[in-house]
PDB file of N, CA and C in Angstrom:
ATOM      1  N   MET A   1     -48.361 -24.751  -9.032  1.00  0.00           N
ATOM      2  CA  MET A   1     -48.979 -24.339 -10.561  1.00  0.00           C
ATOM      3  C   MET A   1     -47.446 -24.629 -11.970  1.00  0.00           C
ATOM      4  N   ARG A   2     -46.755 -23.516 -11.323  1.00  0.00           N
ATOM      5  CA  ARG A   2     -45.964 -23.625 -11.998  1.00  0.00           C
ATOM      6  C   ARG A   2     -45.107 -25.197 -12.606  1.00  0.00           C
ATOM      7  N   LEU A   3     -45.143 -25.829 -11.735  1.00  0.00           N
ATOM      8  CA  LEU A   3     -44.553 -27.577 -11.749  1.00  0.00           C
ATOM      9  C   LEU A   3     -45.772 -28.289 -12.591  1.00  0.00           C
ATOM     10  N   LEU A   4     -47.142 -28.213 -12.250  1.00  0.00           N
ATOM     11  CA  LEU A   4     -47.988 -28.475 -13.455  1.00  0.00           C
ATOM     12  C   LEU A   4     -47.568 -27.903 -14.612  1.00  0.00           C
ATOM     13  N   THR A   5     -47.608 -26.872 -14.888  1.00  0.00           N
ATOM     14  CA  THR A   5     -47.356 -26.159 -16.316  1.00  0.00           C
ATOM     15  C   THR A   5     -46.328 -27.249 -16.976  1.00  0.00           C
ATOM     16  N   ALA A   6     -44.662 -26.880 -16.058  1.00  0.00           N
ATOM     17  CA  ALA A   6     -43.532 -28.125 -16.635  1.00  0.00           C
ATOM     18  C   ALA A   6     -43.884 -29.451 -16.948  1.00  0.00           C
ATOM     19  N   ASN A   7     -44.732 -29.960 -16.065  1.00  0.00           N
ATOM     20  CA  ASN A   7     -45.239 -31.219 -16.371  1.00  0.00           C
ATOM     21  C   ASN A   7     -45.554 -31.461 -17.515  1.00  0.00           C
ATOM     22  N   LYS A   8     -47.022 -30.806 -17.820  1.00  0.00           N
ATOM     23  CA  LYS A   8     -47.795 -30.818 -19.248  1.00  0.00           C
ATOM     24  C   LYS A   8     -46.878 -30.860 -20.185  1.00  0.00           C
ATOM     25  N   HIS A   9     -45.824 -29.797 -20.320  1.00  0.00           N
ATOM     26  CA  HIS A   9     -45.044 -29.286 -21.443  1.00  0.00           C
ATOM     27  C   HIS A   9     -43.933 -30.800 -21.967  1.00  0.00           C
ATOM     28  N   ALA A  10     -43.256 -31.280 -20.342  1.00  0.00           N
ATOM     29  CA  ALA A  10     -42.463 -32.446 -20.813  1.00  0.00           C
ATOM     30  C   ALA A  10     -42.943 -33.425 -21.671  1.00  0.00           C
ATOM     31  N   ILE A  11     -44.436 -34.009 -20.850  1.00  0.00           N
ATOM     32  CA  ILE A  11     -45.338 -34.772 -21.352  1.00  0.00           C
ATOM     33  C   ILE A  11     -45.254 -34.301 -22.987  1.00  0.00           C
ATOM     34  N   SER A  12     -45.848 -33.353 -23.237  1.00  0.00           N
ATOM     35  CA  SER A  12     -46.452 -33.055 -24.973  1.00  0.00           C
ATOM     36  C   SER A  12     -45.005 -33.575 -25.643  1.00  0.00           C
ATOM     37  N   GLY A  13     -43.757 -32.714 -25.253  1.00  0.00           N
ATOM     38  CA  GLY A  13     -42.879 -33.181 -25.842  1.00  0.00           C
ATOM     39  C   GLY A  13     -42.407 -34.512 -26.418  1.00  0.00           C
ATOM     40  N   ILE A  14     -42.236 -34.857 -25.210  1.00  0.00           N
ATOM     41  CA  ILE A  14     -41.983 -36.431 -25.161  1.00  0.00           C
ATOM     42  C   ILE A  14     -43.171 -37.333 -26.034  1.00  0.00           C
ATOM     43  N   THR A  15     -44.290 -36.671 -26.021  1.00  0.00           N
ATOM     44  CA  THR A  15     -45.266 -37.476 -26.971  1.00  0.00           C
ATOM     45  C   THR A  15     -44.994 -37.034 -28.292  1.00  0.00           C
ATOM     46  N   LYS A  16     -44.280 -35.869 -28.482  1.00  0.00           N
ATOM     47  CA  LYS A  16     -43.951 -35.557 -29.804  1.00  0.00           C
ATOM     48  C   LYS A  16     -42.797 -36.130 -30.506  1.00  0.00           C
ATOM     49  N   THR A  17     -41.667 -36.560 -29.747  1.00  0.00           N
ATOM     50  CA  THR A  17     -40.351 -36.746 -30.144  1.00  0.00           C
ATOM     51  C   THR A  17     -40.786 -38.279 -30.171  1.00  0.00           C
ATOM     52  N   ASN A  18     -41.440 -38.918 -29.280  1.00  0.00           N
ATOM     53  CA  ASN A  18     -41.710 -40.417 -29.425  1.00  0.00           C
ATOM     54  C   ASN A  18     -42.529 -41.078 -30.729  1.00  0.00           C
ATOM     55  N   ALA A  19     -43.418 -39.597 -30.967  1.00  0.00           N
ATOM     56  CA  ALA A  19     -44.493 -40.155 -32.402  1.00  0.00           C
ATOM     57  C   ALA A  19     -43.299 -40.191 -33.494  1.00  0.00           C
ATOM     58  N   LEU A  20     -42.346 -38.933 -33.313  1.00  0.00           N
ATOM     59  CA  LEU A  20     -41.518 -38.750 -34.535  1.00  0.00           C
ATOM     60  C   LEU A  20     -40.528 -40.001 -34.623  1.00  0.00           C
ATOM     61  N   ASP A  21     -40.465 -40.653 -33.238  1.00  0.00           N
ATOM     62  CA  ASP A  21     -39.045 -41.426 -33.352  1.00  0.00           C
ATOM     63  C   ASP A  21     -39.518 -42.704 -33.703  1.00  0.00           C
ATOM     64  N   GLY A  22     -41.123 -42.459 -33.667  1.00  0.00           N
ATOM     65  CA  GLY A  22     -41.615 -44.359 -33.815  1.00  0.00           C
ATOM     66  C   GLY A  22     -42.302 -44.495 -35.552  1.00  0.00           C
ATOM     67  N   ARG A  23     -41.829 -43.451 -36.498  1.00  0.00           N
ATOM     68  CA  ARG A  23     -42.212 -43.343 -37.680  1.00  0.00           C
ATOM     69  C   ARG A  23     -41.636 -44.700 -38.084  1.00  0.00           C
ATOM     70  N   PRO A  24     -40.487 -44.616 -38.153  1.00  0.00           N
ATOM     71  CA  PRO A  24     -39.756 -45.861 -39.114  1.00  0.00           C
ATOM     72  C   PRO A  24     -39.987 -46.947 -38.628  1.00  0.00           C
ATOM     73  N   PHE A  25     -40.681 -47.189 -37.418  1.00  0.00           N
ATOM     74  CA  PHE A  25     -41.349 -48.784 -37.362  1.00  0.00           C
ATOM     75  C   PHE A  25     -43.033 -48.822 -37.159  1.00  0.00           C
ATOM     76  N   ASN A  26     -43.409 -47.953 -37.756  1.00  0.00           N
ATOM     77  CA  ASN A  26     -44.837 -47.682 -38.099  1.00  0.00           C
ATOM     78  C   ASN A  26     -45.949 -47.873 -36.635  1.00  0.00           C
ATOM     79  N   ILE A  27     -45.138 -47.369 -35.603  1.00  0.00           N
ATOM     80  CA  ILE A  27     -45.695 -46.676 -34.218  1.00  0.00           C
ATOM     81  C   ILE A  27     -46.695 -45.665 -33.962  1.00  0.00           C
ATOM     82  N   ALA A  28     -47.610 -45.754 -33.873  1.00  0.00           N
ATOM     83  CA  ALA A  28     -47.880 -44.302 -33.493  1.00  0.00           C
ATOM     84  C   ALA A  28     -48.497 -44.119 -31.604  1.00  0.00           C
ATOM     85  N   LEU A  29     -48.487 -43.285 -31.863  1.00  0.00           N
ATOM     86  CA  LEU A  29     -47.994 -42.252 -30.303  1.00  0.00           C
ATOM     87  C   LEU A  29     -49.305 -41.410 -29.887  1.00  0.00           C
ATOM     88  N   ASN A  30     -49.873 -41.682 -28.999  1.00  0.00           N
ATOM     89  CA  ASN A  30     -50.754 -40.359 -28.801  1.00  0.00           C
ATOM     90  C   ASN A  30     -51.111 -39.879 -27.675  1.00  0.00           C
ATOM     91  N   HIS A  31     -51.733 -38.704 -27.120  1.00  0.00           N
ATOM     92  CA  HIS A  31     -51.439 -38.116 -25.641  1.00  0.00           C
ATOM     93  C   HIS A  31     -52.875 -37.670 -25.436  1.00  0.00           C
ATOM     94  N   LEU A  32     -53.618 -38.406 -24.311  1.00  0.00           N
ATOM     95  CA  LEU A  32     -55.157 -37.533 -23.686  1.00  0.00           C
ATOM     96  C   LEU A  32     -54.868 -36.494 -22.973  1.00  0.00           C
ATOM     97  N   CYS A  33     -55.232 -35.287 -22.715  1.00  0.00           N
ATOM     98  CA  CYS A  33     -54.970 -34.761 -21.835  1.00  0.00           C
ATOM     99  C   CYS A  33     -56.465 -34.632 -21.297  1.00  0.00           C
ATOM    100  N   ARG A  34     -56.221 -35.108 -19.832  1.00  0.00           N
ATOM    101  CA  ARG A  34     -57.811 -35.465 -19.097  1.00  0.00           C
ATOM    102  C   ARG A  34     -57.960 -34.185 -18.537  1.00  0.00           C
ATOM    103  N   CYS A  35     -59.188 -34.050 -17.757  1.00  0.00           N
ATOM    104  CA  CYS A  35     -59.620 -33.006 -16.320  1.00  0.00           C
ATOM    105  C   CYS A  35     -59.943 -34.027 -15.379  1.00  0.00           C
ATOM    106  N   ILE A  36     -60.553 -33.735 -14.373  1.00  0.00           N
ATOM    107  CA  ILE A  36     -60.883 -34.257 -13.078  1.00  0.00           C
ATOM    108  C   ILE A  36     -62.290 -34.905 -13.287  1.00  0.00           C
ATOM    109  N   ALA A  37     -61.840 -36.266 -12.950  1.00  0.00           N
ATOM    110  CA  ALA A  37     -63.062 -37.428 -13.270  1.00  0.00           C
ATOM    111  C   ALA A  37     -63.664 -37.978 -11.805  1.00  0.00           C
ATOM    112  N   ASN A  38     -64.691 -38.152 -11.792  1.00  0.00           N
ATOM    113  CA  ASN A  38     -65.262 -38.666 -10.557  1.00  0.00           C
ATOM    114  C   ASN A  38     -64.232 -40.338  -9.927  1.00  0.00           C
ATOM    115  N   VAL A  39     -63.542 -39.788  -9.451  1.00  0.00           N
ATOM    116  CA  VAL A  39     -62.692 -41.302  -8.965  1.00  0.00           C
ATOM    117  C   VAL A  39     -62.942 -40.910  -7.755  1.00  0.00           C
ATOM    118  N   ASN A  40     -62.023 -41.637  -6.564  1.00  0.00           N
ATOM    119  CA  ASN A  40     -61.965 -41.649  -5.228  1.00  0.00           C
ATOM    120  C   ASN A  40     -60.798 -40.790  -4.882  1.00  0.00           C
ATOM    121  N   LEU A  41     -60.137 -40.402  -5.610  1.00  0.00           N
ATOM    122  CA  LEU A  41     -59.037 -39.049  -5.639  1.00  0.00           C
ATOM    123  C   LEU A  41     -59.757 -38.249  -5.726  1.00  0.00           C
ATOM    124  N   ALA A  42     -60.248 -38.029  -6.477  1.00  0.00           N
ATOM    125  CA  ALA A  42     -61.031 -35.964  -6.492  1.00  0.00           C
ATOM    126  C   ALA A  42     -62.601 -36.136  -5.257  1.00  0.00           C
ATOM    127  N   THR A  43     -62.712 -37.287  -4.779  1.00  0.00           N
ATOM    128  CA  THR A  43     -64.159 -37.007  -4.184  1.00  0.00           C
ATOM    129  C   THR A  43     -64.209 -35.619  -3.128  1.00  0.00           C
ATOM    130  N   SER A  44     -63.014 -35.077  -2.613  1.00  0.00           N
ATOM    131  CA  SER A  44     -62.756 -33.929  -1.825  1.00  0.00           C
ATOM    132  C   SER A  44     -63.512 -32.615  -2.672  1.00  0.00           C
ATOM    133  N   MET A  45     -63.278 -33.109  -4.446  1.00  0.00           N
ATOM    134  CA  MET A  45     -63.623 -31.740  -5.314  1.00  0.00           C
ATOM    135  C   MET A  45     -65.139 -31.594  -5.322  1.00  0.00           C
ATOM    136  N   ALA A  46     -65.974 -32.841  -4.677  1.00  0.00           N
ATOM    137  CA  ALA A  46     -67.493 -32.359  -5.089  1.00  0.00           C
ATOM    138  C   ALA A  46     -68.147 -31.692  -3.490  1.00  0.00           C
ATOM    139  N   THR A  47     -67.198 -31.854  -2.509  1.00  0.00           N
ATOM    140  CA  THR A  47     -67.543 -31.088  -1.340  1.00  0.00           C
ATOM    141  C   THR A  47     -66.969 -30.033  -1.189  1.00  0.00           C
ATOM    142  N   GLY A  48     -65.844 -29.606  -2.010  1.00  0.00           N
ATOM    143  CA  GLY A  48     -65.077 -28.642  -2.008  1.00  0.00           C
ATOM    144  C   GLY A  48     -63.758 -28.279  -1.475  1.00  0.00           C
ATOM    145  N   ILE A  49     -62.870 -27.829  -2.632  1.00  0.00           N
ATOM    146  CA  ILE A  49     -61.453 -27.593  -2.171  1.00  0.00           C
ATOM    147  C   ILE A  49     -60.602 -25.959  -2.007  1.00  0.00           C
ATOM    148  N   ILE A  50     -59.824 -26.051  -1.361  1.00  0.00           N
ATOM    149  CA  ILE A  50     -59.376 -24.703  -1.389  1.00  0.00           C
ATOM    150  C   ILE A  50     -59.031 -23.882  -2.587  1.00  0.00           C
ATOM    151  N   GLN A  51     -58.760 -23.122  -2.996  1.00  0.00           N
ATOM    152  CA  GLN A  51     -58.659 -22.215  -3.960  1.00  0.00           C
ATOM    153  C   GLN A  51     -57.539 -21.254  -3.656  1.00  0.00           C
ATOM    154  N   ALA A  52     -56.972 -21.028  -5.039  1.00  0.00           N
ATOM    155  CA  ALA A  52     -55.464 -20.039  -4.899  1.00  0.00           C
ATOM    156  C   ALA A  52     -55.788 -18.538  -3.887  1.00  0.00           C
ATOM    157  N   GLU A  53     -57.033 -18.224  -3.832  1.00  0.00           N
ATOM    158  CA  GLU A  53     -57.408 -17.213  -3.183  1.00  0.00           C
ATOM    159  C   GLU A  53     -57.632 -17.285  -1.851  1.00  0.00           C
ATOM    160  N   HIS A  54     -57.510 -18.744  -1.528  1.00  0.00           N
ATOM    161  CA  HIS A  54     -57.970 -19.476  -0.149  1.00  0.00           C
ATOM    162  C   HIS A  54     -59.574 -19.742  -0.023  1.00  0.00           C
ATOM    163  N   SER A  55     -60.129 -19.321  -0.844  1.00  0.00           N
ATOM    164  CA  SER A  55     -61.841 -19.758  -0.583  1.00  0.00           C
ATOM    165  C   SER A  55     -61.960 -21.131  -0.900  1.00  0.00           C
ATOM    166  N   ILE A  56     -62.964 -22.114  -0.215  1.00  0.00           N
ATOM    167  CA  ILE A  56     -63.372 -23.411  -0.940  1.00  0.00           C
ATOM    168  C   ILE A  56     -63.912 -23.155  -1.768  1.00  0.00           C
ATOM    169  N   LYS A  57     -64.279 -23.715  -3.174  1.00  0.00           N
ATOM    170  CA  LYS A  57     -65.381 -24.085  -3.984  1.00  0.00           C
ATOM    171  C   LYS A  57     -65.217 -25.195  -4.459  1.00  0.00           C
ATOM    172  N   ILE A  58     -66.286 -25.717  -4.929  1.00  0.00           N
ATOM    173  CA  ILE A  58     -66.742 -27.351  -5.641  1.00  0.00           C
ATOM    174  C   ILE A  58     -66.157 -27.162  -6.937  1.00  0.00           C
ATOM    175  N   GLU A  59     -65.194 -28.262  -7.268  1.00  0.00           N
ATOM    176  CA  GLU A  59     -64.484 -27.903  -8.414  1.00  0.00           C
ATOM    177  C   GLU A  59     -65.624 -28.887  -9.321  1.00  0.00           C
ATOM    178  N   PRO A  60     -65.600 -28.546 -10.615  1.00  0.00           N
ATOM    179  CA  PRO A  60     -66.258 -29.624 -11.577  1.00  0.00           C
ATOM    180  C   PRO A  60     -65.659 -30.986 -12.403  1.00  0.00           C
ATOM    181  N   HIS A  61     -66.528 -31.605 -11.903  1.00  0.00           N
ATOM    182  CA  HIS A  61     -65.931 -33.128 -12.478  1.00  0.00           C
ATOM    183  C   HIS A  61     -66.582 -33.977 -13.284  1.00  0.00           C
ATOM    184  N   MET A  62     -66.225 -34.707 -14.080  1.00  0.00           N
ATOM    185  CA  MET A  62     -67.238 -35.492 -15.169  1.00  0.00           C
ATOM    186  C   MET A  62     -67.040 -36.949 -15.085  1.00  0.00           C
ATOM    187  N   ASP A  63     -67.946 -37.689 -15.263  1.00  0.00           N
ATOM    188  CA  ASP A  63     -67.942 -39.154 -15.096  1.00  0.00           C
ATOM    189  C   ASP A  63     -66.750 -39.578 -16.055  1.00  0.00           C
ATOM    190  N   LEU A  64     -66.049 -40.460 -15.111  1.00  0.00           N
ATOM    191  CA  LEU A  64     -64.773 -41.502 -15.777  1.00  0.00           C
ATOM    192  C   LEU A  64     -65.116 -41.910 -17.025  1.00  0.00           C
ATOM    193  N   ASP A  65     -66.252 -42.494 -17.743  1.00  0.00           N
ATOM    194  CA  ASP A  65     -66.351 -43.200 -18.440  1.00  0.00           C
ATOM    195  C   ASP A  65     -66.972 -42.049 -19.835  1.00  0.00           C
ATOM    196  N   TYR A  66     -66.628 -41.112 -19.781  1.00  0.00           N
ATOM    197  CA  TYR A  66     -65.956 -39.676 -20.723  1.00  0.00           C
ATOM    198  C   TYR A  66     -64.789 -40.196 -21.080  1.00  0.00           C
ATOM    199  N   MET A  67     -63.791 -40.362 -20.283  1.00  0.00           N
ATOM    200  CA  MET A  67     -62.963 -40.279 -20.441  1.00  0.00           C
ATOM    201  C   MET A  67     -62.138 -41.397 -20.860  1.00  0.00           C
ATOM    202  N   GLY A  68     -63.243 -42.953 -20.618  1.00  0.00           N
ATOM    203  CA  GLY A  68     -62.845 -43.757 -21.505  1.00  0.00           C
ATOM    204  C   GLY A  68     -63.255 -43.987 -22.925  1.00  0.00           C
ATOM    205  N   GLU A  69     -64.393 -43.241 -23.453  1.00  0.00           N
ATOM    206  CA  GLU A  69     -64.618 -43.567 -24.359  1.00  0.00           C
ATOM    207  C   GLU A  69     -63.794 -42.672 -25.246  1.00  0.00           C
ATOM    208  N   ALA A  70     -63.306 -41.479 -24.867  1.00  0.00           N
ATOM    209  CA  ALA A  70     -62.146 -40.605 -25.413  1.00  0.00           C
ATOM    210  C   ALA A  70     -60.796 -41.355 -25.971  1.00  0.00           C
ATOM    211  N   PHE A  71     -60.545 -42.260 -25.042  1.00  0.00           N
ATOM    212  CA  PHE A  71     -59.315 -42.861 -25.133  1.00  0.00           C
ATOM    213  C   PHE A  71     -59.275 -44.350 -26.239  1.00  0.00           C
ATOM    214  N   LEU A  72     -60.700 -44.938 -26.544  1.00  0.00           N
ATOM    215  CA  LEU A  72     -60.726 -45.443 -26.994  1.00  0.00           C
ATOM    216  C   LEU A  72     -61.306 -44.861 -28.557  1.00  0.00           C
ATOM    217  N   HIS A  73     -61.755 -43.686 -29.191  1.00  0.00           N
ATOM    218  CA  HIS A  73     -61.626 -42.623 -29.916  1.00  0.00           C
ATOM    219  C   HIS A  73     -60.231 -43.052 -30.385  1.00  0.00           C
ATOM    220  N   MET A  74     -59.597 -42.359 -29.898  1.00  0.00           N
ATOM    221  CA  MET A  74     -58.131 -42.312 -30.112  1.00  0.00           C
ATOM    222  C   MET A  74     -57.359 -43.157 -30.505  1.00  0.00           C
ATOM    223  N   GLY A  75     -57.684 -44.454 -30.244  1.00  0.00           N
ATOM    224  CA  GLY A  75     -57.481 -46.173 -30.659  1.00  0.00           C
ATOM    225  C   GLY A  75     -58.307 -46.407 -32.090  1.00  0.00           C
ATOM    226  N   GLN A  76     -58.660 -45.393 -32.706  1.00  0.00           N
ATOM    227  CA  GLN A  76     -59.784 -46.111 -33.792  1.00  0.00           C
ATOM    228  C   GLN A  76     -58.769 -45.799 -34.835  1.00  0.00           C
ATOM    229  N   PRO A  77     -58.513 -44.934 -35.494  1.00  0.00           N
ATOM    230  CA  PRO A  77     -57.870 -44.792 -36.760  1.00  0.00           C
ATOM    231  C   PRO A  77     -56.866 -45.992 -36.985  1.00  0.00           C
ATOM    232  N   PRO A  78     -56.987 -46.089 -38.466  1.00  0.00           N
ATOM    233  CA  PRO A  78     -55.884 -47.230 -38.758  1.00  0.00           C
ATOM    234  C   PRO A  78     -54.367 -46.196 -38.476  1.00  0.00           C
ATOM    235  N   LEU A  79     -53.407 -47.301 -38.753  1.00  0.00           N
ATOM    236  CA  LEU A  79     -52.008 -46.597 -38.704  1.00  0.00           C
ATOM    237  C   LEU A  79     -51.743 -45.539 -39.404  1.00  0.00           C
ATOM    238  N   LYS A  80     -52.319 -45.259 -40.580  1.00  0.00           N
ATOM    239  CA  LYS A  80     -52.091 -44.258 -41.667  1.00  0.00           C
ATOM    240  C   LYS A  80     -52.062 -43.021 -41.031  1.00  0.00           C
ATOM    241  N   SER A  81     -53.196 -42.796 -40.012  1.00  0.00           N
ATOM    242  CA  SER A  81     -53.439 -41.568 -39.342  1.00  0.00           C
ATOM    243  C   SER A  81     -53.353 -42.072 -37.867  1.00  0.00           C
ATOM    244  N   ASN A  82     -53.776 -40.483 -37.466  1.00  0.00           N
ATOM    245  CA  ASN A  82     -53.220 -40.503 -35.773  1.00  0.00           C
ATOM    246  C   ASN A  82     -54.200 -39.126 -35.137  1.00  0.00           C
ATOM    247  N   ILE A  83     -54.668 -39.794 -33.724  1.00  0.00           N
ATOM    248  CA  ILE A  83     -55.114 -38.395 -33.023  1.00  0.00           C
ATOM    249  C   ILE A  83     -53.315 -38.255 -32.482  1.00  0.00           C
ATOM    250  N   LEU A  84     -53.073 -37.243 -32.379  1.00  0.00           N
ATOM    251  CA  LEU A  84     -51.532 -37.457 -31.528  1.00  0.00           C
ATOM    252  C   LEU A  84     -52.097 -36.491 -30.275  1.00  0.00           C
ATOM    253  N   PHE A  85     -52.546 -35.220 -30.353  1.00  0.00           N
ATOM    254  CA  PHE A  85     -53.370 -34.713 -28.823  1.00  0.00           C
ATOM    255  C   PHE A  85     -55.242 -34.812 -28.776  1.00  0.00           C
ATOM    256  N   MET A  86     -55.585 -35.097 -28.005  1.00  0.00           N
ATOM    257  CA  MET A  86     -56.736 -34.846 -27.866  1.00  0.00           C
ATOM    258  C   MET A  86     -57.155 -34.434 -25.991  1.00  0.00           C
ATOM    259  N   SER A  87     -57.637 -33.148 -26.095  1.00  0.00           N
ATOM    260  CA  SER A  87     -58.348 -32.578 -24.450  1.00  0.00           C
ATOM    261  C   SER A  87     -59.667 -32.716 -24.422  1.00  0.00           C
ATOM    262  N   ILE A  88     -59.648 -33.600 -23.066  1.00  0.00           N
ATOM    263  CA  ILE A  88     -61.162 -33.797 -23.147  1.00  0.00           C
ATOM    264  C   ILE A  88     -61.339 -32.807 -21.473  1.00  0.00           C
ATOM    265  N   MET A  89     -62.236 -32.177 -21.251  1.00  0.00           N
ATOM    266  CA  MET A  89     -62.377 -30.966 -20.060  1.00  0.00           C
ATOM    267  C   MET A  89     -64.003 -31.087 -20.104  1.00  0.00           C
ATOM    268  N   ILE A  90     -64.044 -30.518 -18.763  1.00  0.00           N
ATOM    269  CA  ILE A  90     -65.471 -30.229 -18.382  1.00  0.00           C
ATOM    270  C   ILE A  90     -65.604 -28.602 -19.449  1.00  0.00           C
ATOM    271  N   THR A  91     -67.374 -28.965 -19.288  1.00  0.00           N
ATOM    272  CA  THR A  91     -67.465 -27.647 -20.552  1.00  0.00           C
ATOM    273  C   THR A  91     -67.362 -26.215 -19.252  1.00  0.00           C
ATOM    274  N   ASN A  92     -67.797 -26.626 -18.083  1.00  0.00           N
ATOM    275  CA  ASN A  92     -67.948 -25.123 -17.278  1.00  0.00           C
ATOM    276  C   ASN A  92     -66.707 -25.049 -16.492  1.00  0.00           C
ATOM    277  N   THR A  93     -65.596 -25.302 -16.771  1.00  0.00           N
ATOM    278  CA  THR A  93     -64.346 -25.695 -16.113  1.00  0.00           C
ATOM    279  C   THR A  93     -64.206 -24.071 -15.804  1.00  0.00           C
ATOM    280  N   PRO A  94     -63.515 -23.842 -14.566  1.00  0.00           N
ATOM    281  CA  PRO A  94     -63.074 -22.010 -14.892  1.00  0.00           C
ATOM    282  C   PRO A  94     -62.070 -21.680 -15.228  1.00  0.00           C
ATOM    283  N   PHE A  95     -61.356 -22.391 -15.406  1.00  0.00           N
ATOM    284  CA  PHE A  95     -60.014 -22.081 -16.677  1.00  0.00           C
ATOM    285  C   PHE A  95     -59.691 -23.084 -17.950  1.00  0.00           C
ATOM    286  N   ILE A  96     -59.281 -22.636 -18.704  1.00  0.00           N
ATOM    287  CA  ILE A  96     -58.908 -23.695 -20.185  1.00  0.00           C
ATOM    288  C   ILE A  96     -57.856 -24.417 -19.226  1.00  0.00           C
ATOM    289  N   SER A  97     -56.697 -24.129 -18.778  1.00  0.00           N
ATOM    290  CA  SER A  97     -55.538 -24.686 -18.710  1.00  0.00           C
ATOM    291  C   SER A  97     -55.854 -25.685 -17.372  1.00  0.00           C
ATOM    292  N   LYS A  98     -56.914 -25.815 -16.522  1.00  0.00           N
ATOM    293  CA  LYS A  98     -56.984 -26.635 -15.843  1.00  0.00           C
ATOM    294  C   LYS A  98     -57.354 -27.908 -16.446  1.00  0.00           C
ATOM    295  N   GLY A  99     -56.728 -29.433 -16.163  1.00  0.00           N
ATOM    296  CA  GLY A  99     -57.154 -30.406 -16.436  1.00  0.00           C
ATOM    297  C   GLY A  99     -56.614 -30.858 -17.450  1.00  0.00           C
TER     298      GLY A  99
END
């Protein structure tokens, strides 16, 4: 879990730095923090996956179209405004930090 947290903070920092560096060139940058979607890689989530306490539970996941809609939404504002960060998550996910 520490590695996941470190990676999330690294990507957030890179996003902020690049967004500031791009301002003089009228470059807008954004970051979509996603959750578990219905893709081939996540098929084991629907049948159950081992948890930290060694139990097996079904992980909530969402349709990939929802993430696509969020991605398109982030590109809608004009260059004078920007959605720097957006988190899309499953409403009934057990922890806010997941995804």
